[in-house]
Amino acid sequence: VVLTNFHVVEGSDYAEMKLHNNQETFGKVM
């Protein structure tokens, strides 16, 4: 589980992300 600001993910049910090891991934706004 990742925490962020709501205004960062506002407008989408899913969020794309990139980890510190450069791996790209995504998650669902819960």
Full PDB file with SEQRES, HELIX, SHEET, SSBOND, CRYST1, ORIGX, SCALE, CONECT and MASTER records, all heavy atoms in Angstrom:
SEQRES   1 A   30  VAL VAL LEU THR ASN PHE HIS VAL VAL GLU GLY SER ASP          
SEQRES   2 A   30  TYR ALA GLU MET LYS LEU HIS ASN ASN GLN GLU THR PHE          
SEQRES   3 A   30  GLY LYS VAL MET                                              
HELIX    1 AA1 PHE A    6  VAL A    9  1                                   4    
SHEET    1 AA1 2 TYR A  14  LYS A  18  0                                        
SHEET    2 AA1 2 GLU A  24  LYS A  28 -1                                        
CRYST1    1.000    1.000    1.000  90.00  90.00  90.00 P 1           1          
ORIGX1      1.000000  0.000000  0.000000        0.00000                         
ORIGX2      0.000000  1.000000  0.000000        0.00000                         
ORIGX3      0.000000  0.000000  1.000000        0.00000                         
SCALE1      1.000000  0.000000  0.000000        0.00000                         
SCALE2      0.000000  1.000000  0.000000        0.00000                         
SCALE3      0.000000  0.000000  1.000000        0.00000                         
ATOM      1  N   VAL A   1       0.846  -1.197   0.000  1.00  0.00           N  
ATOM      2  CA  VAL A   1       0.000   0.000   0.000  1.00  0.00           C  
ATOM      3  C   VAL A   1       0.878   1.242   0.000  1.00  0.00           C  
ATOM      4  O   VAL A   1       1.793   1.374   0.826  1.00  0.00           O  
ATOM      5  CB  VAL A   1      -0.952   0.038   1.212  1.00  0.00           C  
ATOM      6  CG1 VAL A   1      -1.780   1.328   1.200  1.00  0.00           C  
ATOM      7  CG2 VAL A   1      -1.878  -1.176   1.210  1.00  0.00           C  
ATOM      8  N   VAL A   2       0.603   2.148  -0.934  1.00  0.00           N  
ATOM      9  CA  VAL A   2       1.304   3.429  -1.028  1.00  0.00           C  
ATOM     10  C   VAL A   2       0.350   4.546  -0.621  1.00  0.00           C  
ATOM     11  O   VAL A   2      -0.832   4.537  -0.980  1.00  0.00           O  
ATOM     12  CB  VAL A   2       1.822   3.666  -2.458  1.00  0.00           C  
ATOM     13  CG1 VAL A   2       2.173   5.131  -2.697  1.00  0.00           C  
ATOM     14  CG2 VAL A   2       3.049   2.797  -2.716  1.00  0.00           C  
ATOM     15  N   LEU A   3       0.877   5.521   0.122  1.00  0.00           N  
ATOM     16  CA  LEU A   3       0.104   6.701   0.498  1.00  0.00           C  
ATOM     17  C   LEU A   3       0.632   7.898  -0.276  1.00  0.00           C  
ATOM     18  O   LEU A   3       1.845   8.053  -0.437  1.00  0.00           O  
ATOM     19  CB  LEU A   3       0.195   6.949   2.001  1.00  0.00           C  
ATOM     20  CG  LEU A   3      -0.667   8.113   2.532  1.00  0.00           C  
ATOM     21  CD1 LEU A   3      -1.293   7.737   3.869  1.00  0.00           C  
ATOM     22  CD2 LEU A   3       0.148   9.398   2.696  1.00  0.00           C  
ATOM     23  N   THR A   4      -0.291   8.763  -0.722  1.00  0.00           N  
ATOM     24  CA  THR A   4       0.079   9.988  -1.435  1.00  0.00           C  
ATOM     25  C   THR A   4      -1.003  11.021  -1.192  1.00  0.00           C  
ATOM     26  O   THR A   4      -1.948  10.789  -0.418  1.00  0.00           O  
ATOM     27  CB  THR A   4       0.269   9.713  -2.937  1.00  0.00           C  
ATOM     28  OG1 THR A   4       0.736  10.907  -3.583  1.00  0.00           O  
ATOM     29  CG2 THR A   4      -1.019   9.264  -3.588  1.00  0.00           C  
ATOM     30  N   ASN A   5      -0.869  12.186  -1.843  1.00  0.00           N  
ATOM     31  CA  ASN A   5      -1.941  13.179  -1.785  1.00  0.00           C  
ATOM     32  C   ASN A   5      -3.079  12.783  -2.719  1.00  0.00           C  
ATOM     33  O   ASN A   5      -2.849  12.217  -3.799  1.00  0.00           O  
ATOM     34  CB  ASN A   5      -1.433  14.559  -2.201  1.00  0.00           C  
ATOM     35  CG  ASN A   5      -0.592  15.236  -1.131  1.00  0.00           C  
ATOM     36  OD1 ASN A   5       0.371  15.911  -1.434  1.00  0.00           O  
ATOM     37  ND2 ASN A   5      -0.953  15.077   0.145  1.00  0.00           N  
ATOM     38  N   PHE A   6      -4.300  13.139  -2.312  1.00  0.00           N  
ATOM     39  CA  PHE A   6      -5.445  12.848  -3.178  1.00  0.00           C  
ATOM     40  C   PHE A   6      -5.339  13.617  -4.492  1.00  0.00           C  
ATOM     41  O   PHE A   6      -5.646  13.082  -5.563  1.00  0.00           O  
ATOM     42  CB  PHE A   6      -6.759  13.206  -2.468  1.00  0.00           C  
ATOM     43  CG  PHE A   6      -7.952  13.132  -3.382  1.00  0.00           C  
ATOM     44  CD1 PHE A   6      -8.496  11.916  -3.758  1.00  0.00           C  
ATOM     45  CD2 PHE A   6      -8.524  14.295  -3.902  1.00  0.00           C  
ATOM     46  CE1 PHE A   6      -9.580  11.851  -4.613  1.00  0.00           C  
ATOM     47  CE2 PHE A   6      -9.607  14.231  -4.753  1.00  0.00           C  
ATOM     48  CZ  PHE A   6     -10.137  13.008  -5.115  1.00  0.00           C  
ATOM     49  N   HIS A   7      -4.874  14.872  -4.423  1.00  0.00           N  
ATOM     50  CA  HIS A   7      -4.853  15.667  -5.658  1.00  0.00           C  
ATOM     51  C   HIS A   7      -3.840  15.126  -6.665  1.00  0.00           C  
ATOM     52  O   HIS A   7      -3.882  15.465  -7.843  1.00  0.00           O  
ATOM     53  CB  HIS A   7      -4.594  17.157  -5.354  1.00  0.00           C  
ATOM     54  CG  HIS A   7      -3.179  17.499  -4.996  1.00  0.00           C  
ATOM     55  ND1 HIS A   7      -2.750  17.699  -3.696  1.00  0.00           N  
ATOM     56  CD2 HIS A   7      -2.081  17.687  -5.792  1.00  0.00           C  
ATOM     57  CE1 HIS A   7      -1.465  18.001  -3.705  1.00  0.00           C  
ATOM     58  NE2 HIS A   7      -1.026  18.005  -4.957  1.00  0.00           N  
ATOM     59  N   VAL A   8      -2.921  14.249  -6.210  1.00  0.00           N  
ATOM     60  CA  VAL A   8      -1.945  13.641  -7.122  1.00  0.00           C  
ATOM     61  C   VAL A   8      -2.603  12.570  -7.987  1.00  0.00           C  
ATOM     62  O   VAL A   8      -2.233  12.393  -9.149  1.00  0.00           O  
ATOM     63  CB  VAL A   8      -0.760  13.056  -6.320  1.00  0.00           C  
ATOM     64  CG1 VAL A   8       0.167  12.242  -7.219  1.00  0.00           C  
ATOM     65  CG2 VAL A   8       0.025  14.175  -5.639  1.00  0.00           C  
ATOM     66  N   VAL A   9      -3.582  11.832  -7.421  1.00  0.00           N  
ATOM     67  CA  VAL A   9      -4.221  10.737  -8.173  1.00  0.00           C  
ATOM     68  C   VAL A   9      -5.653  11.090  -8.586  1.00  0.00           C  
ATOM     69  O   VAL A   9      -6.370  10.249  -9.131  1.00  0.00           O  
ATOM     70  CB  VAL A   9      -4.224   9.434  -7.342  1.00  0.00           C  
ATOM     71  CG1 VAL A   9      -2.820   8.949  -7.093  1.00  0.00           C  
ATOM     72  CG2 VAL A   9      -4.977   9.623  -6.022  1.00  0.00           C  
ATOM     73  N   GLU A  10      -6.078  12.324  -8.324  1.00  0.00           N  
ATOM     74  CA  GLU A  10      -7.456  12.715  -8.620  1.00  0.00           C  
ATOM     75  C   GLU A  10      -7.768  12.532 -10.106  1.00  0.00           C  
ATOM     76  O   GLU A  10      -6.981  12.885 -10.974  1.00  0.00           O  
ATOM     77  CB  GLU A  10      -7.677  14.183  -8.231  1.00  0.00           C  
ATOM     78  CG  GLU A  10      -9.095  14.663  -8.470  1.00  0.00           C  
ATOM     79  CD  GLU A  10      -9.293  16.108  -8.052  1.00  0.00           C  
ATOM     80  OE1 GLU A  10      -8.295  16.746  -7.615  1.00  0.00           O  
ATOM     81  OE2 GLU A  10     -10.418  16.601  -8.143  1.00  0.00           O  
ATOM     82  N   GLY A  11      -8.945  11.961 -10.370  1.00  0.00           N  
ATOM     83  CA  GLY A  11      -9.386  11.809 -11.750  1.00  0.00           C  
ATOM     84  C   GLY A  11      -9.155  10.435 -12.325  1.00  0.00           C  
ATOM     85  O   GLY A  11      -9.482  10.186 -13.493  1.00  0.00           O  
ATOM     86  N   SER A  12      -8.609   9.495 -11.556  1.00  0.00           N  
ATOM     87  CA  SER A  12      -8.352   8.162 -12.085  1.00  0.00           C  
ATOM     88  C   SER A  12      -8.509   7.132 -10.981  1.00  0.00           C  
ATOM     89  O   SER A  12      -8.189   7.397  -9.817  1.00  0.00           O  
ATOM     90  CB  SER A  12      -6.934   8.075 -12.664  1.00  0.00           C  
ATOM     91  OG  SER A  12      -6.670   6.771 -13.136  1.00  0.00           O  
ATOM     92  N   ASP A  13      -8.993   5.951 -11.359  1.00  0.00           N  
ATOM     93  CA  ASP A  13      -9.109   4.853 -10.398  1.00  0.00           C  
ATOM     94  C   ASP A  13      -7.774   4.136 -10.215  1.00  0.00           C  
ATOM     95  O   ASP A  13      -7.590   3.393  -9.247  1.00  0.00           O  
ATOM     96  CB  ASP A  13     -10.165   3.837 -10.856  1.00  0.00           C  
ATOM     97  CG  ASP A  13     -11.572   4.424 -10.819  1.00  0.00           C  
ATOM     98  OD1 ASP A  13     -11.798   5.357 -10.023  1.00  0.00           O  
ATOM     99  OD2 ASP A  13     -12.436   3.964 -11.591  1.00  0.00           O  
ATOM    100  N   TYR A  14      -6.875   4.321 -11.167  1.00  0.00           N  
ATOM    101  CA  TYR A  14      -5.573   3.650 -11.108  1.00  0.00           C  
ATOM    102  C   TYR A  14      -4.463   4.694 -11.192  1.00  0.00           C  
ATOM    103  O   TYR A  14      -4.658   5.788 -11.734  1.00  0.00           O  
ATOM    104  CB  TYR A  14      -5.418   2.650 -12.251  1.00  0.00           C  
ATOM    105  CG  TYR A  14      -6.363   1.473 -12.126  1.00  0.00           C  
ATOM    106  CD1 TYR A  14      -7.636   1.523 -12.695  1.00  0.00           C  
ATOM    107  CD2 TYR A  14      -5.976   0.324 -11.443  1.00  0.00           C  
ATOM    108  CE1 TYR A  14      -8.517   0.450 -12.572  1.00  0.00           C  
ATOM    109  CE2 TYR A  14      -6.849  -0.750 -11.321  1.00  0.00           C  
ATOM    110  CZ  TYR A  14      -8.114  -0.680 -11.887  1.00  0.00           C  
ATOM    111  OH  TYR A  14      -8.969  -1.739 -11.759  1.00  0.00           O  
ATOM    112  N   ALA A  15      -3.297   4.333 -10.638  1.00  0.00           N  
ATOM    113  CA  ALA A  15      -2.155   5.251 -10.660  1.00  0.00           C  
ATOM    114  C   ALA A  15      -0.909   4.492 -11.127  1.00  0.00           C  
ATOM    115  O   ALA A  15      -0.627   3.395 -10.641  1.00  0.00           O  
ATOM    116  CB  ALA A  15      -1.923   5.836  -9.271  1.00  0.00           C  
ATOM    117  N   GLU A  16      -0.213   5.101 -12.082  1.00  0.00           N  
ATOM    118  CA  GLU A  16       1.065   4.519 -12.529  1.00  0.00           C  
ATOM    119  C   GLU A  16       2.177   5.023 -11.625  1.00  0.00           C  
ATOM    120  O   GLU A  16       2.172   6.178 -11.198  1.00  0.00           O  
ATOM    121  CB  GLU A  16       1.349   4.927 -13.977  1.00  0.00           C  
ATOM    122  CG  GLU A  16       0.391   4.323 -14.981  1.00  0.00           C  
ATOM    123  CD  GLU A  16       0.799   4.627 -16.412  1.00  0.00           C  
ATOM    124  OE1 GLU A  16       2.017   4.734 -16.662  1.00  0.00           O  
ATOM    125  OE2 GLU A  16      -0.102   4.771 -17.248  1.00  0.00           O  
ATOM    126  N   MET A  17       3.155   4.136 -11.359  1.00  0.00           N  
ATOM    127  CA  MET A  17       4.232   4.495 -10.433  1.00  0.00           C  
ATOM    128  C   MET A  17       5.572   3.920 -10.905  1.00  0.00           C  
ATOM    129  O   MET A  17       5.617   2.989 -11.707  1.00  0.00           O  
ATOM    130  CB  MET A  17       3.918   3.957  -9.034  1.00  0.00           C  
ATOM    131  CG  MET A  17       2.649   4.528  -8.437  1.00  0.00           C  
ATOM    132  SD  MET A  17       2.442   4.083  -6.723  1.00  0.00           S  
ATOM    133  CE  MET A  17       0.786   4.739  -6.459  1.00  0.00           C  
ATOM    134  N   LYS A  18       6.609   4.506 -10.369  1.00  0.00           N  
ATOM    135  CA  LYS A  18       7.966   4.024 -10.632  1.00  0.00           C  
ATOM    136  C   LYS A  18       8.704   3.955  -9.313  1.00  0.00           C  
ATOM    137  O   LYS A  18       8.711   4.927  -8.551  1.00  0.00           O  
ATOM    138  CB  LYS A  18       8.691   4.960 -11.599  1.00  0.00           C  
ATOM    139  CG  LYS A  18      10.045   4.440 -12.063  1.00  0.00           C  
ATOM    140  CD  LYS A  18      10.641   5.391 -13.094  1.00  0.00           C  
ATOM    141  CE  LYS A  18      11.981   4.868 -13.612  1.00  0.00           C  
ATOM    142  NZ  LYS A  18      12.569   5.782 -14.615  1.00  0.00           N  
ATOM    143  N   LEU A  19       9.310   2.785  -9.046  1.00  0.00           N  
ATOM    144  CA  LEU A  19      10.014   2.590  -7.787  1.00  0.00           C  
ATOM    145  C   LEU A  19      11.440   3.132  -7.874  1.00  0.00           C  
ATOM    146  O   LEU A  19      11.940   3.472  -8.952  1.00  0.00           O  
ATOM    147  CB  LEU A  19      10.041   1.107  -7.431  1.00  0.00           C  
ATOM    148  CG  LEU A  19       8.683   0.376  -7.400  1.00  0.00           C  
ATOM    149  CD1 LEU A  19       8.872  -1.049  -6.921  1.00  0.00           C  
ATOM    150  CD2 LEU A  19       7.679   1.110  -6.538  1.00  0.00           C  
ATOM    151  N   HIS A  20      12.102   3.165  -6.734  1.00  0.00           N  
ATOM    152  CA  HIS A  20      13.463   3.681  -6.693  1.00  0.00           C  
ATOM    153  C   HIS A  20      14.430   2.822  -7.507  1.00  0.00           C  
ATOM    154  O   HIS A  20      15.441   3.311  -8.022  1.00  0.00           O  
ATOM    155  CB  HIS A  20      13.933   3.751  -5.227  1.00  0.00           C  
ATOM    156  CG  HIS A  20      15.269   4.375  -5.059  1.00  0.00           C  
ATOM    157  ND1 HIS A  20      16.346   3.726  -4.479  1.00  0.00           N  
ATOM    158  CD2 HIS A  20      15.735   5.613  -5.417  1.00  0.00           C  
ATOM    159  CE1 HIS A  20      17.390   4.524  -4.480  1.00  0.00           C  
ATOM    160  NE2 HIS A  20      17.056   5.675  -5.034  1.00  0.00           N  
ATOM    161  N   ASN A  21      14.099   1.538  -7.678  1.00  0.00           N  
ATOM    162  CA  ASN A  21      14.960   0.643  -8.473  1.00  0.00           C  
ATOM    163  C   ASN A  21      14.617   0.708  -9.959  1.00  0.00           C  
ATOM    164  O   ASN A  21      15.008  -0.168 -10.731  1.00  0.00           O  
ATOM    165  CB  ASN A  21      14.850  -0.792  -7.960  1.00  0.00           C  
ATOM    166  CG  ASN A  21      13.418  -1.334  -8.066  1.00  0.00           C  
ATOM    167  OD1 ASN A  21      12.538  -0.694  -8.653  1.00  0.00           O  
ATOM    168  ND2 ASN A  21      13.201  -2.504  -7.493  1.00  0.00           N  
ATOM    169  N   ASN A  22      13.847   1.735 -10.340  1.00  0.00           N  
ATOM    170  CA  ASN A  22      13.447   1.997 -11.726  1.00  0.00           C  
ATOM    171  C   ASN A  22      12.388   1.030 -12.262  1.00  0.00           C  
ATOM    172  O   ASN A  22      12.052   1.069 -13.446  1.00  0.00           O  
ATOM    173  CB  ASN A  22      14.657   1.989 -12.678  1.00  0.00           C  
ATOM    174  CG  ASN A  22      15.563   3.184 -12.423  1.00  0.00           C  
ATOM    175  OD1 ASN A  22      15.071   4.283 -12.150  1.00  0.00           O  
ATOM    176  ND2 ASN A  22      16.873   2.977 -12.499  1.00  0.00           N  
ATOM    177  N   GLN A  23      11.889   0.163 -11.417  1.00  0.00           N  
ATOM    178  CA  GLN A  23      10.810  -0.725 -11.852  1.00  0.00           C  
ATOM    179  C   GLN A  23       9.509   0.063 -11.940  1.00  0.00           C  
ATOM    180  O   GLN A  23       9.141   0.785 -11.020  1.00  0.00           O  
ATOM    181  CB  GLN A  23      10.650  -1.880 -10.854  1.00  0.00           C  
ATOM    182  CG  GLN A  23       9.534  -2.849 -11.228  1.00  0.00           C  
ATOM    183  CD  GLN A  23       9.348  -3.954 -10.183  1.00  0.00           C  
ATOM    184  OE1 GLN A  23      10.125  -4.056  -9.240  1.00  0.00           O  
ATOM    185  NE2 GLN A  23       8.335  -4.770 -10.367  1.00  0.00           N  
ATOM    186  N   GLU A  24       8.800  -0.074 -13.054  1.00  0.00           N  
ATOM    187  CA  GLU A  24       7.509   0.595 -13.224  1.00  0.00           C  
ATOM    188  C   GLU A  24       6.383  -0.345 -12.807  1.00  0.00           C  
ATOM    189  O   GLU A  24       6.443  -1.551 -13.063  1.00  0.00           O  
ATOM    190  CB  GLU A  24       7.323   1.038 -14.678  1.00  0.00           C  
ATOM    191  CG  GLU A  24       8.287   2.145 -15.090  1.00  0.00           C  
ATOM    192  CD  GLU A  24       7.999   2.679 -16.481  1.00  0.00           C  
ATOM    193  OE1 GLU A  24       7.170   2.051 -17.169  1.00  0.00           O  
ATOM    194  OE2 GLU A  24       8.587   3.700 -16.860  1.00  0.00           O  
ATOM    195  N   THR A  25       5.374   0.211 -12.219  1.00  0.00           N  
ATOM    196  CA  THR A  25       4.246  -0.591 -11.745  1.00  0.00           C  
ATOM    197  C   THR A  25       3.015   0.313 -11.654  1.00  0.00           C  
ATOM    198  O   THR A  25       3.057   1.484 -12.054  1.00  0.00           O  
ATOM    199  CB  THR A  25       4.575  -1.221 -10.379  1.00  0.00           C  
ATOM    200  OG1 THR A  25       3.504  -2.095  -9.997  1.00  0.00           O  
ATOM    201  CG2 THR A  25       4.762  -0.162  -9.296  1.00  0.00           C  
ATOM    202  N   PHE A  26       1.921  -0.234 -11.154  1.00  0.00           N  
ATOM    203  CA  PHE A  26       0.705   0.573 -10.978  1.00  0.00           C  
ATOM    204  C   PHE A  26      -0.091   0.000  -9.803  1.00  0.00           C  
ATOM    205  O   PHE A  26       0.175  -1.098  -9.309  1.00  0.00           O  
ATOM    206  CB  PHE A  26      -0.144   0.597 -12.254  1.00  0.00           C  
ATOM    207  CG  PHE A  26      -0.797  -0.720 -12.579  1.00  0.00           C  
ATOM    208  CD1 PHE A  26      -2.092  -0.990 -12.172  1.00  0.00           C  
ATOM    209  CD2 PHE A  26      -0.106  -1.686 -13.298  1.00  0.00           C  
ATOM    210  CE1 PHE A  26      -2.683  -2.199 -12.470  1.00  0.00           C  
ATOM    211  CE2 PHE A  26      -0.699  -2.896 -13.600  1.00  0.00           C  
ATOM    212  CZ  PHE A  26      -1.993  -3.171 -13.180  1.00  0.00           C  
ATOM    213  N   GLY A  27      -1.063   0.762  -9.392  1.00  0.00           N  
ATOM    214  CA  GLY A  27      -1.929   0.321  -8.288  1.00  0.00           C  
ATOM    215  C   GLY A  27      -3.319   0.920  -8.439  1.00  0.00           C  
ATOM    216  O   GLY A  27      -3.544   1.835  -9.235  1.00  0.00           O  
ATOM    217  N   LYS A  28      -4.252   0.397  -7.657  1.00  0.00           N  
ATOM    218  CA  LYS A  28      -5.644   0.864  -7.688  1.00  0.00           C  
ATOM    219  C   LYS A  28      -5.909   1.767  -6.484  1.00  0.00           C  
ATOM    220  O   LYS A  28      -5.547   1.426  -5.352  1.00  0.00           O  
ATOM    221  CB  LYS A  28      -6.610  -0.323  -7.651  1.00  0.00           C  
ATOM    222  CG  LYS A  28      -8.088   0.079  -7.674  1.00  0.00           C  
ATOM    223  CD  LYS A  28      -8.985  -1.137  -7.750  1.00  0.00           C  
ATOM    224  CE  LYS A  28     -10.445  -0.762  -7.653  1.00  0.00           C  
ATOM    225  NZ  LYS A  28     -10.883   0.192  -8.675  1.00  0.00           N  
ATOM    226  N   VAL A  29      -6.528   2.903  -6.745  1.00  0.00           N  
ATOM    227  CA  VAL A  29      -6.883   3.827  -5.656  1.00  0.00           C  
ATOM    228  C   VAL A  29      -7.946   3.153  -4.796  1.00  0.00           C  
ATOM    229  O   VAL A  29      -9.035   2.827  -5.278  1.00  0.00           O  
ATOM    230  CB  VAL A  29      -7.394   5.169  -6.203  1.00  0.00           C  
ATOM    231  CG1 VAL A  29      -7.783   6.089  -5.049  1.00  0.00           C  
ATOM    232  CG2 VAL A  29      -6.332   5.825  -7.083  1.00  0.00           C  
ATOM    233  N   MET A  30      -7.647   2.932  -3.525  1.00  0.00           N  
ATOM    234  CA  MET A  30      -8.558   2.171  -2.662  1.00  0.00           C  
ATOM    235  C   MET A  30      -9.301   3.037  -1.647  1.00  0.00           C  
ATOM    236  O   MET A  30     -10.363   2.651  -1.154  1.00  0.00           O  
ATOM    237  CB  MET A  30      -7.790   1.076  -1.903  1.00  0.00           C  
ATOM    238  CG  MET A  30      -6.666   1.595  -1.024  1.00  0.00           C  
ATOM    239  SD  MET A  30      -5.757   0.268  -0.164  1.00  0.00           S  
ATOM    240  CE  MET A  30      -6.918  -0.192   1.105  1.00  0.00           C  
TER     241      MET A  30                                                      
MASTER        0    0    0    1    2    0    0    6  240    1    0    3          
END                                                                             
